[in-house]
Amino acid sequence: MHYLYTDGGARGNPGPAASGAFLFDHNMQLLDFSGTYLRETTNNVAEYEALLEGLKMAHKNKVTEIRCHLDSELVVKQLNGEYKVKNDNMNRLYNRVKAEAEKFKQIEFAHIPRNKNKFADRMVNVILDAVQS
C-alpha cells in the first residue's frame, strides 16, 4: 500500500489557490511530490485539484494500491458516498477523481486532521506566499 497526502487551499473563497501532493511508499519513504498554483478558485475546488494531481503522480509512479489522506472532510465524504455532490463544477471534478480512482487495484479515501497533513499544507502555503509576494 502506498500513501498519498494532498491539500488544496485558497486565500479568500474564492481567491488565489494552490495544491500540494506527497506520495510515500509502504515504508513511508517519499517517492514523489508536486505543487501547483491554481489561480483563483475555491477551497473545495483546490482540494479536488490537489487529489487529481496526486492520483496522476501515483499512476506515473506505477502505484496500484493507495490510501489517500485529505484534511477536507467534505471531499472525503463525497468520494466515500456519504455526501452528495450538488455543485456542477464540483461534480465535474468528482467524476474526474472517480475516473482516476478506477485505474487503481485498491484505493481508499481517508480524512485526517490538518496537523497530520503538514507537508501538503505547507506546500500550498509556500506556493501562495511566493505568488503573493
C-alpha atoms as a PDB file:
ATOM      1  CA  MET A   1       0.000   0.000   0.000  1.00  0.00           C
ATOM      2  CA  HIS A   2       1.233   3.483  -0.896  1.00  0.00           C
ATOM      3  CA  TYR A   3       0.155   6.671   0.845  1.00  0.00           C
ATOM      4  CA  LEU A   4      -0.884   9.937  -0.761  1.00  0.00           C
ATOM      5  CA  TYR A   5      -1.265  13.164   1.202  1.00  0.00           C
ATOM      6  CA  THR A   6      -2.935  16.038  -0.625  1.00  0.00           C
ATOM      7  CA  ASP A   7      -4.138  19.509   0.251  1.00  0.00           C
ATOM      8  CA  GLY A   8      -5.646  22.392  -1.623  1.00  0.00           C
ATOM      9  CA  GLY A   9      -6.330  25.846  -0.302  1.00  0.00           C
ATOM     10  CA  ALA A  10      -7.447  29.303  -1.308  1.00  0.00           C
ATOM     11  CA  ARG A  11      -6.811  32.614   0.384  1.00  0.00           C
ATOM     12  CA  GLY A  12     -10.284  34.010   0.201  1.00  0.00           C
ATOM     13  CA  ASN A  13     -13.084  31.827  -1.027  1.00  0.00           C
ATOM     14  CA  PRO A  14     -12.707  32.193  -3.946  1.00  0.00           C
ATOM     15  CA  GLY A  15      -9.198  33.566  -4.022  1.00  0.00           C
ATOM     16  CA  PRO A  16      -5.654  32.723  -5.076  1.00  0.00           C
ATOM     17  CA  ALA A  17      -5.325  28.953  -4.670  1.00  0.00           C
ATOM     18  CA  ALA A  18      -2.735  26.184  -4.767  1.00  0.00           C
ATOM     19  CA  SER A  19      -2.432  22.435  -4.395  1.00  0.00           C
ATOM     20  CA  GLY A  20       0.137  20.109  -2.882  1.00  0.00           C
ATOM     21  CA  ALA A  21       0.606  16.337  -3.079  1.00  0.00           C
ATOM     22  CA  PHE A  22       3.120  13.956  -1.476  1.00  0.00           C
ATOM     23  CA  LEU A  23       3.431  10.277  -2.345  1.00  0.00           C
ATOM     24  CA  PHE A  24       5.020   7.788   0.071  1.00  0.00           C
ATOM     25  CA  ASP A  25       5.794   4.088  -0.318  1.00  0.00           C
ATOM     26  CA  HIS A  26       4.754   1.352   2.127  1.00  0.00           C
ATOM     27  CA  ASN A  27       7.713   2.276   4.398  1.00  0.00           C
ATOM     28  CA  MET A  28       6.691   5.964   4.400  1.00  0.00           C
ATOM     29  CA  GLN A  29       9.683   6.883   2.241  1.00  0.00           C
ATOM     30  CA  LEU A  30       8.982   9.864  -0.014  1.00  0.00           C
ATOM     31  CA  LEU A  31       8.619   8.816  -3.666  1.00  0.00           C
ATOM     32  CA  ASP A  32       7.395  11.999  -5.298  1.00  0.00           C
ATOM     33  CA  PHE A  33       5.766  15.351  -4.628  1.00  0.00           C
ATOM     34  CA  SER A  34       4.242  18.236  -6.510  1.00  0.00           C
ATOM     35  CA  GLY A  35       2.597  21.582  -6.045  1.00  0.00           C
ATOM     36  CA  THR A  36       0.666  23.820  -8.394  1.00  0.00           C
ATOM     37  CA  TYR A  37      -0.634  27.372  -8.403  1.00  0.00           C
ATOM     38  CA  LEU A  38      -4.296  27.152  -9.435  1.00  0.00           C
ATOM     39  CA  ARG A  39      -5.085  30.835  -9.949  1.00  0.00           C
ATOM     40  CA  GLU A  40      -8.362  31.990  -8.370  1.00  0.00           C
ATOM     41  CA  THR A  41     -10.781  29.311  -7.180  1.00  0.00           C
ATOM     42  CA  THR A  42     -12.482  27.971  -4.054  1.00  0.00           C
ATOM     43  CA  ASN A  43     -11.049  25.824  -1.263  1.00  0.00           C
ATOM     44  CA  ASN A  44     -13.157  22.836  -2.287  1.00  0.00           C
ATOM     45  CA  VAL A  45     -12.099  23.006  -5.936  1.00  0.00           C
ATOM     46  CA  ALA A  46      -8.460  23.292  -4.802  1.00  0.00           C
ATOM     47  CA  GLU A  47      -8.888  20.156  -2.650  1.00  0.00           C
ATOM     48  CA  TYR A  48     -10.189  18.169  -5.638  1.00  0.00           C
ATOM     49  CA  GLU A  49      -7.452  19.533  -7.917  1.00  0.00           C
ATOM     50  CA  ALA A  50      -4.795  18.506  -5.376  1.00  0.00           C
ATOM     51  CA  LEU A  51      -6.201  14.978  -5.225  1.00  0.00           C
ATOM     52  CA  LEU A  52      -6.277  14.717  -9.023  1.00  0.00           C
ATOM     53  CA  GLU A  53      -2.678  15.910  -9.171  1.00  0.00           C
ATOM     54  CA  GLY A  54      -1.691  13.288  -6.589  1.00  0.00           C
ATOM     55  CA  LEU A  55      -3.534  10.428  -8.284  1.00  0.00           C
ATOM     56  CA  LYS A  56      -1.866  11.218 -11.619  1.00  0.00           C
ATOM     57  CA  MET A  57       1.505  11.329  -9.846  1.00  0.00           C
ATOM     58  CA  ALA A  58       0.768   7.898  -8.322  1.00  0.00           C
ATOM     59  CA  HIS A  59      -0.047   6.495 -11.794  1.00  0.00           C
ATOM     60  CA  LYS A  60       3.228   7.911 -13.102  1.00  0.00           C
ATOM     61  CA  ASN A  61       4.998   6.040 -10.277  1.00  0.00           C
ATOM     62  CA  LYS A  62       3.180   2.789 -11.180  1.00  0.00           C
ATOM     63  CA  VAL A  63       1.273   2.627  -7.873  1.00  0.00           C
ATOM     64  CA  THR A  64      -1.638   0.144  -7.852  1.00  0.00           C
ATOM     65  CA  GLU A  65      -2.795   0.279  -4.204  1.00  0.00           C
ATOM     66  CA  ILE A  66      -3.147   3.610  -2.462  1.00  0.00           C
ATOM     67  CA  ARG A  67      -4.619   5.246   0.607  1.00  0.00           C
ATOM     68  CA  CYS A  68      -5.377   8.932   0.043  1.00  0.00           C
ATOM     69  CA  HIS A  69      -5.230  11.245   3.061  1.00  0.00           C
ATOM     70  CA  LEU A  70      -7.045  14.584   2.856  1.00  0.00           C
ATOM     71  CA  ASP A  71      -7.901  17.136   5.514  1.00  0.00           C
ATOM     72  CA  SER A  72     -11.107  18.037   3.653  1.00  0.00           C
ATOM     73  CA  GLU A  73     -13.884  16.122   5.373  1.00  0.00           C
ATOM     74  CA  LEU A  74     -16.336  17.278   2.689  1.00  0.00           C
ATOM     75  CA  VAL A  75     -14.326  15.839  -0.214  1.00  0.00           C
ATOM     76  CA  VAL A  76     -13.658  12.554   1.601  1.00  0.00           C
ATOM     77  CA  LYS A  77     -17.342  12.120   2.474  1.00  0.00           C
ATOM     78  CA  GLN A  78     -18.353  12.916  -1.104  1.00  0.00           C
ATOM     79  CA  LEU A  79     -15.881  10.383  -2.510  1.00  0.00           C
ATOM     80  CA  ASN A  80     -16.965   7.732   0.001  1.00  0.00           C
ATOM     81  CA  GLY A  81     -20.625   8.256  -0.926  1.00  0.00           C
ATOM     82  CA  GLU A  82     -21.687   9.771   2.408  1.00  0.00           C
ATOM     83  CA  TYR A  83     -22.494  13.207   0.925  1.00  0.00           C
ATOM     84  CA  LYS A  84     -23.967  14.087  -2.455  1.00  0.00           C
ATOM     85  CA  VAL A  85     -22.181  16.459  -4.803  1.00  0.00           C
ATOM     86  CA  LYS A  86     -24.610  19.258  -5.627  1.00  0.00           C
ATOM     87  CA  ASN A  87     -22.441  21.889  -7.330  1.00  0.00           C
ATOM     88  CA  ASP A  88     -21.900  21.381 -11.097  1.00  0.00           C
ATOM     89  CA  ASN A  89     -18.212  22.341 -11.031  1.00  0.00           C
ATOM     90  CA  MET A  90     -17.577  20.089  -8.023  1.00  0.00           C
ATOM     91  CA  ASN A  91     -19.479  17.272  -9.735  1.00  0.00           C
ATOM     92  CA  ARG A  92     -17.189  17.546 -12.768  1.00  0.00           C
ATOM     93  CA  LEU A  93     -14.116  17.276 -10.511  1.00  0.00           C
ATOM     94  CA  TYR A  94     -15.711  14.446  -8.519  1.00  0.00           C
ATOM     95  CA  ASN A  95     -16.250  12.491 -11.752  1.00  0.00           C
ATOM     96  CA  ARG A  96     -12.652  13.093 -12.834  1.00  0.00           C
ATOM     97  CA  VAL A  97     -11.384  11.772  -9.484  1.00  0.00           C
ATOM     98  CA  LYS A  98     -13.665   8.728  -9.718  1.00  0.00           C
ATOM     99  CA  ALA A  99     -12.347   8.011 -13.236  1.00  0.00           C
ATOM    100  CA  GLU A 100      -8.738   8.213 -11.984  1.00  0.00           C
ATOM    101  CA  ALA A 101      -9.627   6.044  -8.970  1.00  0.00           C
ATOM    102  CA  GLU A 102     -10.851   3.250 -11.244  1.00  0.00           C
ATOM    103  CA  LYS A 103      -7.289   2.827 -12.535  1.00  0.00           C
ATOM    104  CA  PHE A 104      -6.121   1.526  -9.131  1.00  0.00           C
ATOM    105  CA  LYS A 105      -6.424  -2.046  -7.933  1.00  0.00           C
ATOM    106  CA  GLN A 106      -7.267  -0.693  -4.466  1.00  0.00           C
ATOM    107  CA  ILE A 107      -7.978   2.868  -3.337  1.00  0.00           C
ATOM    108  CA  GLU A 108      -9.163   4.396  -0.065  1.00  0.00           C
ATOM    109  CA  PHE A 109     -10.026   7.974   0.875  1.00  0.00           C
ATOM    110  CA  ALA A 110      -9.429   8.951   4.498  1.00  0.00           C
ATOM    111  CA  HIS A 111      -9.996  12.189   6.392  1.00  0.00           C
ATOM    112  CA  ILE A 112      -7.124  13.320   8.603  1.00  0.00           C
ATOM    113  CA  PRO A 113      -6.670  16.418  10.777  1.00  0.00           C
ATOM    114  CA  ARG A 114      -4.732  19.297   9.215  1.00  0.00           C
ATOM    115  CA  ASN A 115      -1.823  18.790  11.654  1.00  0.00           C
ATOM    116  CA  LYS A 116      -1.346  15.276  10.198  1.00  0.00           C
ATOM    117  CA  ASN A 117      -1.159  16.746   6.674  1.00  0.00           C
ATOM    118  CA  LYS A 118       1.622  19.238   7.308  1.00  0.00           C
ATOM    119  CA  PHE A 119       3.743  18.590   4.195  1.00  0.00           C
ATOM    120  CA  ALA A 120       0.912  19.144   1.714  1.00  0.00           C
ATOM    121  CA  ASP A 121      -0.470  22.066   3.737  1.00  0.00           C
ATOM    122  CA  ARG A 122       2.974  23.674   3.806  1.00  0.00           C
ATOM    123  CA  MET A 123       3.381  23.212   0.041  1.00  0.00           C
ATOM    124  CA  VAL A 124       0.124  25.117  -0.549  1.00  0.00           C
ATOM    125  CA  ASN A 125       1.267  27.977   1.683  1.00  0.00           C
ATOM    126  CA  VAL A 126       4.764  28.172   0.155  1.00  0.00           C
ATOM    127  CA  ILE A 127       3.236  28.477  -3.316  1.00  0.00           C
ATOM    128  CA  LEU A 128       0.702  31.108  -2.242  1.00  0.00           C
ATOM    129  CA  ASP A 129       3.355  33.092  -0.345  1.00  0.00           C
ATOM    130  CA  ALA A 130       5.576  33.090  -3.462  1.00  0.00           C
ATOM    131  CA  VAL A 131       2.746  34.228  -5.728  1.00  0.00           C
ATOM    132  CA  GLN A 132       1.528  36.949  -3.375  1.00  0.00           C
ATOM    133  CA  SER A 133       4.925  38.465  -2.559  1.00  0.00           C
END
